[in-house]
């Protein structure tokens, strides 16, 4: 009888251990990507959640997470293989291991040569990438414009019988929802490179203007009496006092 009880106890322990391993295997794994907030704040909605958090610093990302840059805010996604994606203000995206969905806004992408194709999905076109530099803008109506600065991008429409174009460096294409992309056409490459200049994507200091924007964003998301909003207001007031206390430069 004692041996039987011992065997049953060991079996129960084994089942608990197996269940624990299964739970670990089922737990979502973070993506090999780092979120850098260059300016302002980012709203993050975890997959399966309905409430969002407003962030001022980067966090690990998981498949299905929604990222939205707020007013006067910019962010970067830096992948383990060297790929970089820059996100302009008021852009909403969803991240996945080998794809990214842009619902609205504007992004710049730089991909190193990779064995696995990465897909950019928009409401009106899909882009397949292995190694190139390009940007994508999606309007509130779902119109997508893709412009290639280096390399080439394969673009496919989202109609029943979609057209496919290879868009090369210096060319753009665009598509409306329910319509195929138009044939590639030239754009001003120099102006586009200025728009995405490296200097614009260096994280700056927490100036009074930036602190004010942070306060407005939090007030809009959570209300003026929320602790996060009040903390942002305190930081803003402290910065104003520190600025006022600085010795004024004498005019020559």
C-alpha atoms as a PDB file:
ATOM      1  CA  UNK A   1       0.000   0.000   0.000  1.00  0.00           C
ATOM      2  CA  UNK A   2       2.844   2.322   0.913  1.00  0.00           C
ATOM      3  CA  UNK A   3       4.563   1.636  -2.424  1.00  0.00           C
ATOM      4  CA  UNK A   4       1.336   2.380  -4.264  1.00  0.00           C
ATOM      5  CA  UNK A   5       0.952   5.737  -2.491  1.00  0.00           C
ATOM      6  CA  UNK A   6       4.560   6.586  -3.303  1.00  0.00           C
ATOM      7  CA  UNK A   7       4.021   5.804  -6.979  1.00  0.00           C
ATOM      8  CA  UNK A   8       0.857   7.921  -7.070  1.00  0.00           C
ATOM      9  CA  UNK A   9       2.673  10.824  -5.420  1.00  0.00           C
ATOM     10  CA  UNK A  10       5.528  10.610  -7.928  1.00  0.00           C
ATOM     11  CA  UNK A  11       3.039  10.475 -10.801  1.00  0.00           C
ATOM     12  CA  UNK A  12       1.274  13.583  -9.483  1.00  0.00           C
ATOM     13  CA  UNK A  13       4.588  15.451  -9.235  1.00  0.00           C
ATOM     14  CA  UNK A  14       5.444  14.409 -12.782  1.00  0.00           C
ATOM     15  CA  UNK A  15       2.110  15.702 -14.084  1.00  0.00           C
ATOM     16  CA  UNK A  16       2.647  19.035 -12.326  1.00  0.00           C
ATOM     17  CA  UNK A  17       6.127  19.328 -13.826  1.00  0.00           C
ATOM     18  CA  UNK A  18       4.876  18.502 -17.333  1.00  0.00           C
ATOM     19  CA  UNK A  19       2.072  21.042 -16.969  1.00  0.00           C
ATOM     20  CA  UNK A  20       4.620  23.634 -15.888  1.00  0.00           C
ATOM     21  CA  UNK A  21       6.803  22.971 -18.923  1.00  0.00           C
ATOM     22  CA  UNK A  22       3.751  23.160 -21.193  1.00  0.00           C
ATOM     23  CA  UNK A  23       2.781  26.498 -19.672  1.00  0.00           C
ATOM     24  CA  UNK A  24       6.303  27.807 -20.247  1.00  0.00           C
ATOM     25  CA  UNK A  25       6.187  26.659 -23.872  1.00  0.00           C
ATOM     26  CA  UNK A  26       2.812  28.345 -24.365  1.00  0.00           C
ATOM     27  CA  UNK A  27       3.983  31.665 -22.890  1.00  0.00           C
ATOM     28  CA  UNK A  28       4.493  34.308 -25.602  1.00  0.00           C
ATOM     29  CA  UNK A  29       8.107  35.083 -26.394  1.00  0.00           C
ATOM     30  CA  UNK A  30       9.305  38.665 -26.934  1.00  0.00           C
ATOM     31  CA  UNK A  31      10.249  39.706 -30.450  1.00  0.00           C
ATOM     32  CA  UNK A  32      13.864  40.306 -31.415  1.00  0.00           C
ATOM     33  CA  UNK A  33      13.231  44.043 -31.674  1.00  0.00           C
ATOM     34  CA  UNK A  34      13.879  47.057 -29.458  1.00  0.00           C
ATOM     35  CA  UNK A  35      11.478  50.000 -29.197  1.00  0.00           C
ATOM     36  CA  UNK A  36      13.290  53.339 -28.842  1.00  0.00           C
ATOM     37  CA  UNK A  37      11.220  56.439 -28.096  1.00  0.00           C
ATOM     38  CA  UNK A  38      13.018  59.335 -29.778  1.00  0.00           C
ATOM     39  CA  UNK A  39      10.622  62.085 -28.692  1.00  0.00           C
ATOM     40  CA  UNK A  40       7.298  62.344 -26.901  1.00  0.00           C
ATOM     41  CA  UNK A  41       5.258  59.292 -25.980  1.00  0.00           C
ATOM     42  CA  UNK A  42       4.036  56.032 -27.449  1.00  0.00           C
ATOM     43  CA  UNK A  43       0.767  54.277 -26.682  1.00  0.00           C
ATOM     44  CA  UNK A  44       1.189  50.504 -26.356  1.00  0.00           C
ATOM     45  CA  UNK A  45      -1.704  48.028 -26.360  1.00  0.00           C
ATOM     46  CA  UNK A  46      -0.621  44.486 -25.538  1.00  0.00           C
ATOM     47  CA  UNK A  47      -2.082  41.666 -27.610  1.00  0.00           C
ATOM     48  CA  UNK A  48      -5.339  40.469 -26.066  1.00  0.00           C
ATOM     49  CA  UNK A  49      -5.733  43.642 -23.982  1.00  0.00           C
ATOM     50  CA  UNK A  50      -8.169  46.524 -24.455  1.00  0.00           C
ATOM     51  CA  UNK A  51      -6.458  49.141 -22.278  1.00  0.00           C
ATOM     52  CA  UNK A  52      -3.307  50.890 -23.481  1.00  0.00           C
ATOM     53  CA  UNK A  53      -0.294  52.259 -21.604  1.00  0.00           C
ATOM     54  CA  UNK A  54       1.403  55.529 -22.516  1.00  0.00           C
ATOM     55  CA  UNK A  55       5.179  55.059 -22.532  1.00  0.00           C
ATOM     56  CA  UNK A  56       8.120  57.434 -22.444  1.00  0.00           C
ATOM     57  CA  UNK A  57      10.769  54.678 -22.476  1.00  0.00           C
ATOM     58  CA  UNK A  58      11.138  51.531 -24.555  1.00  0.00           C
ATOM     59  CA  UNK A  59       9.848  48.095 -23.486  1.00  0.00           C
ATOM     60  CA  UNK A  60      10.001  44.529 -24.900  1.00  0.00           C
ATOM     61  CA  UNK A  61       7.485  43.868 -27.676  1.00  0.00           C
ATOM     62  CA  UNK A  62       5.415  40.741 -28.319  1.00  0.00           C
ATOM     63  CA  UNK A  63       3.638  39.466 -31.451  1.00  0.00           C
ATOM     64  CA  UNK A  64       0.353  41.306 -31.945  1.00  0.00           C
ATOM     65  CA  UNK A  65       1.271  44.385 -29.885  1.00  0.00           C
ATOM     66  CA  UNK A  66      -0.204  47.669 -31.143  1.00  0.00           C
ATOM     67  CA  UNK A  67       2.044  50.753 -31.137  1.00  0.00           C
ATOM     68  CA  UNK A  68       0.751  54.287 -31.662  1.00  0.00           C
ATOM     69  CA  UNK A  69       2.917  57.403 -31.620  1.00  0.00           C
ATOM     70  CA  UNK A  70       1.130  60.402 -30.118  1.00  0.00           C
ATOM     71  CA  UNK A  71       1.297  64.079 -31.107  1.00  0.00           C
ATOM     72  CA  UNK A  72       4.812  65.440 -31.674  1.00  0.00           C
ATOM     73  CA  UNK A  73       6.183  61.967 -30.899  1.00  0.00           C
ATOM     74  CA  UNK A  74       8.645  59.760 -32.775  1.00  0.00           C
ATOM     75  CA  UNK A  75       9.954  56.242 -32.217  1.00  0.00           C
ATOM     76  CA  UNK A  76      12.250  53.620 -33.718  1.00  0.00           C
ATOM     77  CA  UNK A  77      12.107  49.846 -33.995  1.00  0.00           C
ATOM     78  CA  UNK A  78      15.589  48.293 -34.080  1.00  0.00           C
ATOM     79  CA  UNK A  79      15.711  44.596 -34.982  1.00  0.00           C
ATOM     80  CA  UNK A  80      18.376  42.091 -34.019  1.00  0.00           C
ATOM     81  CA  UNK A  81      19.437  41.602 -37.657  1.00  0.00           C
ATOM     82  CA  UNK A  82      20.105  45.336 -38.087  1.00  0.00           C
ATOM     83  CA  UNK A  83      16.797  46.383 -39.653  1.00  0.00           C
ATOM     84  CA  UNK A  84      15.583  49.830 -38.534  1.00  0.00           C
ATOM     85  CA  UNK A  85      12.089  51.313 -38.768  1.00  0.00           C
ATOM     86  CA  UNK A  86      11.347  54.942 -37.920  1.00  0.00           C
ATOM     87  CA  UNK A  87       7.839  55.959 -36.913  1.00  0.00           C
ATOM     88  CA  UNK A  88       6.464  59.479 -37.335  1.00  0.00           C
ATOM     89  CA  UNK A  89       3.804  61.095 -35.094  1.00  0.00           C
ATOM     90  CA  UNK A  90       0.240  59.746 -35.024  1.00  0.00           C
ATOM     91  CA  UNK A  91       1.136  56.425 -36.624  1.00  0.00           C
ATOM     92  CA  UNK A  92      -0.579  53.161 -35.630  1.00  0.00           C
ATOM     93  CA  UNK A  93       1.073  49.784 -36.320  1.00  0.00           C
ATOM     94  CA  UNK A  94       0.935  46.131 -35.280  1.00  0.00           C
ATOM     95  CA  UNK A  95       4.159  44.125 -34.894  1.00  0.00           C
ATOM     96  CA  UNK A  96       4.651  40.449 -35.791  1.00  0.00           C
ATOM     97  CA  UNK A  97       7.802  38.275 -36.098  1.00  0.00           C
ATOM     98  CA  UNK A  98       8.121  38.584 -39.899  1.00  0.00           C
ATOM     99  CA  UNK A  99       5.619  41.299 -40.739  1.00  0.00           C
ATOM    100  CA  UNK A 100       4.333  44.694 -39.718  1.00  0.00           C
ATOM    101  CA  UNK A 101       0.892  46.166 -40.334  1.00  0.00           C
ATOM    102  CA  UNK A 102       0.493  49.929 -40.807  1.00  0.00           C
ATOM    103  CA  UNK A 103      -3.058  51.128 -40.138  1.00  0.00           C
ATOM    104  CA  UNK A 104      -2.277  54.840 -40.495  1.00  0.00           C
ATOM    105  CA  UNK A 105       0.649  57.244 -40.415  1.00  0.00           C
ATOM    106  CA  UNK A 106       4.136  57.227 -41.890  1.00  0.00           C
ATOM    107  CA  UNK A 107       7.220  55.021 -41.471  1.00  0.00           C
ATOM    108  CA  UNK A 108      10.742  54.719 -42.870  1.00  0.00           C
ATOM    109  CA  UNK A 109      12.326  51.283 -43.236  1.00  0.00           C
ATOM    110  CA  UNK A 110      15.913  50.143 -43.702  1.00  0.00           C
ATOM    111  CA  UNK A 111      16.459  46.411 -44.169  1.00  0.00           C
ATOM    112  CA  UNK A 112      19.758  44.607 -44.375  1.00  0.00           C
ATOM    113  CA  UNK A 113      19.922  41.642 -46.739  1.00  0.00           C
ATOM    114  CA  UNK A 114      18.030  38.786 -45.111  1.00  0.00           C
ATOM    115  CA  UNK A 115      17.127  35.233 -46.020  1.00  0.00           C
ATOM    116  CA  UNK A 116      13.523  35.543 -44.848  1.00  0.00           C
ATOM    117  CA  UNK A 117      11.197  37.982 -46.571  1.00  0.00           C
ATOM    118  CA  UNK A 118       9.651  40.639 -44.326  1.00  0.00           C
ATOM    119  CA  UNK A 119       6.155  41.855 -45.199  1.00  0.00           C
ATOM    120  CA  UNK A 120       4.709  45.353 -44.742  1.00  0.00           C
ATOM    121  CA  UNK A 121       0.905  45.197 -44.814  1.00  0.00           C
ATOM    122  CA  UNK A 122      -1.342  48.245 -45.346  1.00  0.00           C
ATOM    123  CA  UNK A 123      -5.085  48.622 -46.048  1.00  0.00           C
ATOM    124  CA  UNK A 124      -4.461  48.889 -49.808  1.00  0.00           C
ATOM    125  CA  UNK A 125      -1.124  47.215 -50.677  1.00  0.00           C
ATOM    126  CA  UNK A 126       1.415  44.666 -49.444  1.00  0.00           C
ATOM    127  CA  UNK A 127       5.203  45.016 -49.754  1.00  0.00           C
ATOM    128  CA  UNK A 128       7.700  42.151 -49.616  1.00  0.00           C
ATOM    129  CA  UNK A 129      11.241  43.098 -48.597  1.00  0.00           C
ATOM    130  CA  UNK A 130      14.619  41.421 -48.215  1.00  0.00           C
ATOM    131  CA  UNK A 131      17.040  44.354 -48.250  1.00  0.00           C
ATOM    132  CA  UNK A 132      16.235  47.970 -49.139  1.00  0.00           C
ATOM    133  CA  UNK A 133      15.412  51.486 -47.881  1.00  0.00           C
ATOM    134  CA  UNK A 134      11.910  52.896 -48.380  1.00  0.00           C
ATOM    135  CA  UNK A 135       9.035  54.668 -46.651  1.00  0.00           C
ATOM    136  CA  UNK A 136       5.282  54.087 -46.487  1.00  0.00           C
ATOM    137  CA  UNK A 137       2.545  56.625 -45.765  1.00  0.00           C
ATOM    138  CA  UNK A 138      -1.035  55.538 -45.024  1.00  0.00           C
ATOM    139  CA  UNK A 139      -3.861  58.082 -44.906  1.00  0.00           C
ATOM    140  CA  UNK A 140      -6.905  57.936 -42.653  1.00  0.00           C
ATOM    141  CA  UNK A 141      -8.888  56.697 -45.690  1.00  0.00           C
ATOM    142  CA  UNK A 142      -6.478  53.798 -46.215  1.00  0.00           C
ATOM    143  CA  UNK A 143      -4.574  55.135 -49.234  1.00  0.00           C
ATOM    144  CA  UNK A 144      -0.976  53.879 -49.128  1.00  0.00           C
ATOM    145  CA  UNK A 145       2.027  55.508 -50.823  1.00  0.00           C
ATOM    146  CA  UNK A 146       5.329  53.605 -51.000  1.00  0.00           C
ATOM    147  CA  UNK A 147       8.591  55.278 -52.079  1.00  0.00           C
ATOM    148  CA  UNK A 148      11.922  53.467 -52.518  1.00  0.00           C
ATOM    149  CA  UNK A 149      15.218  55.240 -51.747  1.00  0.00           C
ATOM    150  CA  UNK A 150      17.559  52.250 -52.182  1.00  0.00           C
ATOM    151  CA  UNK A 151      17.139  48.783 -53.670  1.00  0.00           C
ATOM    152  CA  UNK A 152      13.748  47.532 -54.834  1.00  0.00           C
ATOM    153  CA  UNK A 153      10.442  46.501 -53.249  1.00  0.00           C
ATOM    154  CA  UNK A 154       7.878  44.024 -54.595  1.00  0.00           C
ATOM    155  CA  UNK A 155       4.429  45.608 -54.188  1.00  0.00           C
ATOM    156  CA  UNK A 156       1.139  43.736 -54.574  1.00  0.00           C
ATOM    157  CA  UNK A 157      -2.422  45.041 -54.504  1.00  0.00           C
ATOM    158  CA  UNK A 158      -5.164  43.667 -52.263  1.00  0.00           C
ATOM    159  CA  UNK A 159      -7.837  43.124 -54.913  1.00  0.00           C
ATOM    160  CA  UNK A 160      -9.249  39.752 -56.033  1.00  0.00           C
ATOM    161  CA  UNK A 161      -6.804  39.612 -58.959  1.00  0.00           C
ATOM    162  CA  UNK A 162      -4.017  41.834 -57.645  1.00  0.00           C
ATOM    163  CA  UNK A 163      -1.397  43.482 -59.812  1.00  0.00           C
ATOM    164  CA  UNK A 164       2.248  43.238 -58.795  1.00  0.00           C
ATOM    165  CA  UNK A 165       5.023  45.765 -59.436  1.00  0.00           C
ATOM    166  CA  UNK A 166       8.728  45.857 -58.641  1.00  0.00           C
ATOM    167  CA  UNK A 167       9.343  49.408 -57.402  1.00  0.00           C
ATOM    168  CA  UNK A 168      12.992  50.433 -57.822  1.00  0.00           C
ATOM    169  CA  UNK A 169      15.107  53.183 -56.257  1.00  0.00           C
ATOM    170  CA  UNK A 170      13.808  56.690 -56.958  1.00  0.00           C
ATOM    171  CA  UNK A 171      10.280  55.476 -57.723  1.00  0.00           C
ATOM    172  CA  UNK A 172       6.948  55.427 -55.889  1.00  0.00           C
ATOM    173  CA  UNK A 173       3.602  53.727 -56.219  1.00  0.00           C
ATOM    174  CA  UNK A 174       0.291  54.199 -54.453  1.00  0.00           C
ATOM    175  CA  UNK A 175      -3.039  52.452 -54.090  1.00  0.00           C
ATOM    176  CA  UNK A 176      -6.508  53.269 -52.825  1.00  0.00           C
ATOM    177  CA  UNK A 177      -8.481  50.658 -50.843  1.00  0.00           C
ATOM    178  CA  UNK A 178     -10.084  48.187 -53.248  1.00  0.00           C
ATOM    179  CA  UNK A 179      -7.860  49.275 -56.140  1.00  0.00           C
ATOM    180  CA  UNK A 180      -4.560  47.997 -57.514  1.00  0.00           C
ATOM    181  CA  UNK A 181      -1.309  49.957 -57.156  1.00  0.00           C
ATOM    182  CA  UNK A 182      -0.505  52.329 -60.005  1.00  0.00           C
ATOM    183  CA  UNK A 183       2.623  51.725 -62.134  1.00  0.00           C
ATOM    184  CA  UNK A 184       5.811  53.103 -60.499  1.00  0.00           C
ATOM    185  CA  UNK A 185       6.635  56.774 -61.078  1.00  0.00           C
ATOM    186  CA  UNK A 186       9.558  59.054 -60.182  1.00  0.00           C
ATOM    187  CA  UNK A 187       9.736  61.192 -57.030  1.00  0.00           C
ATOM    188  CA  UNK A 188      12.198  63.748 -55.591  1.00  0.00           C
ATOM    189  CA  UNK A 189      14.787  61.488 -53.951  1.00  0.00           C
ATOM    190  CA  UNK A 190      16.846  64.347 -52.481  1.00  0.00           C
ATOM    191  CA  UNK A 191      13.825  65.839 -50.732  1.00  0.00           C
ATOM    192  CA  UNK A 192      12.860  62.432 -49.369  1.00  0.00           C
ATOM    193  CA  UNK A 193      16.337  61.871 -47.907  1.00  0.00           C
ATOM    194  CA  UNK A 194      16.170  65.275 -46.207  1.00  0.00           C
ATOM    195  CA  UNK A 195      12.791  64.354 -44.710  1.00  0.00           C
ATOM    196  CA  UNK A 196      14.320  61.300 -43.011  1.00  0.00           C
ATOM    197  CA  UNK A 197      17.697  62.870 -42.138  1.00  0.00           C
ATOM    198  CA  UNK A 198      19.622  61.046 -39.416  1.00  0.00           C
ATOM    199  CA  UNK A 199      19.896  64.150 -37.220  1.00  0.00           C
ATOM    200  CA  UNK A 200      16.119  64.251 -36.813  1.00  0.00           C
ATOM    201  CA  UNK A 201      16.174  60.841 -35.129  1.00  0.00           C
ATOM    202  CA  UNK A 202      18.600  61.494 -32.293  1.00  0.00           C
ATOM    203  CA  UNK A 203      16.853  61.505 -28.926  1.00  0.00           C
ATOM    204  CA  UNK A 204      16.901  65.020 -27.527  1.00  0.00           C
ATOM    205  CA  UNK A 205      16.727  66.372 -23.989  1.00  0.00           C
ATOM    206  CA  UNK A 206      13.497  66.834 -22.067  1.00  0.00           C
ATOM    207  CA  UNK A 207      12.901  70.466 -23.022  1.00  0.00           C
ATOM    208  CA  UNK A 208       9.982  72.481 -21.681  1.00  0.00           C
ATOM    209  CA  UNK A 209       8.182  72.131 -25.017  1.00  0.00           C
ATOM    210  CA  UNK A 210       8.569  68.352 -24.934  1.00  0.00           C
ATOM    211  CA  UNK A 211       7.430  68.137 -21.306  1.00  0.00           C
ATOM    212  CA  UNK A 212       4.382  70.215 -22.214  1.00  0.00           C
ATOM    213  CA  UNK A 213       3.542  67.835 -25.077  1.00  0.00           C
ATOM    214  CA  UNK A 214       3.931  64.866 -22.716  1.00  0.00           C
ATOM    215  CA  UNK A 215       1.530  66.507 -20.272  1.00  0.00           C
ATOM    216  CA  UNK A 216      -1.064  67.197 -22.987  1.00  0.00           C
ATOM    217  CA  UNK A 217      -0.861  63.619 -24.281  1.00  0.00           C
ATOM    218  CA  UNK A 218      -1.353  62.127 -20.815  1.00  0.00           C
ATOM    219  CA  UNK A 219      -4.174  64.545 -20.036  1.00  0.00           C
ATOM    220  CA  UNK A 220      -5.917  63.525 -23.262  1.00  0.00           C
ATOM    221  CA  UNK A 221      -5.488  59.798 -22.540  1.00  0.00           C
ATOM    222  CA  UNK A 222      -6.153  59.612 -18.787  1.00  0.00           C
ATOM    223  CA  UNK A 223      -7.710  62.919 -17.675  1.00  0.00           C
ATOM    224  CA  UNK A 224      -6.233  65.826 -15.740  1.00  0.00           C
ATOM    225  CA  UNK A 225      -6.548  64.203 -12.288  1.00  0.00           C
ATOM    226  CA  UNK A 226      -4.801  60.931 -13.130  1.00  0.00           C
ATOM    227  CA  UNK A 227      -1.535  60.410 -11.154  1.00  0.00           C
ATOM    228  CA  UNK A 228       0.440  60.062 -14.398  1.00  0.00           C
ATOM    229  CA  UNK A 229      -0.927  63.371 -15.673  1.00  0.00           C
ATOM    230  CA  UNK A 230      -0.204  65.099 -12.365  1.00  0.00           C
ATOM    231  CA  UNK A 231       3.348  63.723 -12.358  1.00  0.00           C
ATOM    232  CA  UNK A 232       3.902  65.077 -15.878  1.00  0.00           C
ATOM    233  CA  UNK A 233       2.526  68.463 -14.785  1.00  0.00           C
ATOM    234  CA  UNK A 234       4.916  68.529 -11.824  1.00  0.00           C
ATOM    235  CA  UNK A 235       7.852  67.771 -14.124  1.00  0.00           C
ATOM    236  CA  UNK A 236       6.752  70.584 -16.435  1.00  0.00           C
ATOM    237  CA  UNK A 237       6.403  73.106 -13.596  1.00  0.00           C
ATOM    238  CA  UNK A 238       9.786  72.085 -12.162  1.00  0.00           C
ATOM    239  CA  UNK A 239      11.435  72.599 -15.558  1.00  0.00           C
ATOM    240  CA  UNK A 240       9.826  76.037 -15.873  1.00  0.00           C
ATOM    241  CA  UNK A 241      11.103  77.066 -12.431  1.00  0.00           C
ATOM    242  CA  UNK A 242      14.591  75.801 -13.227  1.00  0.00           C
ATOM    243  CA  UNK A 243      14.558  77.721 -16.500  1.00  0.00           C
ATOM    244  CA  UNK A 244      13.407  80.906 -14.765  1.00  0.00           C
ATOM    245  CA  UNK A 245      16.176  80.555 -12.182  1.00  0.00           C
ATOM    246  CA  UNK A 246      18.912  80.408 -14.822  1.00  0.00           C
ATOM    247  CA  UNK A 247      21.022  83.591 -15.024  1.00  0.00           C
ATOM    248  CA  UNK A 248      19.975  85.687 -17.989  1.00  0.00           C
ATOM    249  CA  UNK A 249      22.591  86.400 -20.629  1.00  0.00           C
ATOM    250  CA  UNK A 250      23.601  90.028 -20.635  1.00  0.00           C
ATOM    251  CA  UNK A 251      23.248  91.841 -23.897  1.00  0.00           C
ATOM    252  CA  UNK A 252      26.474  93.213 -25.327  1.00  0.00           C
END
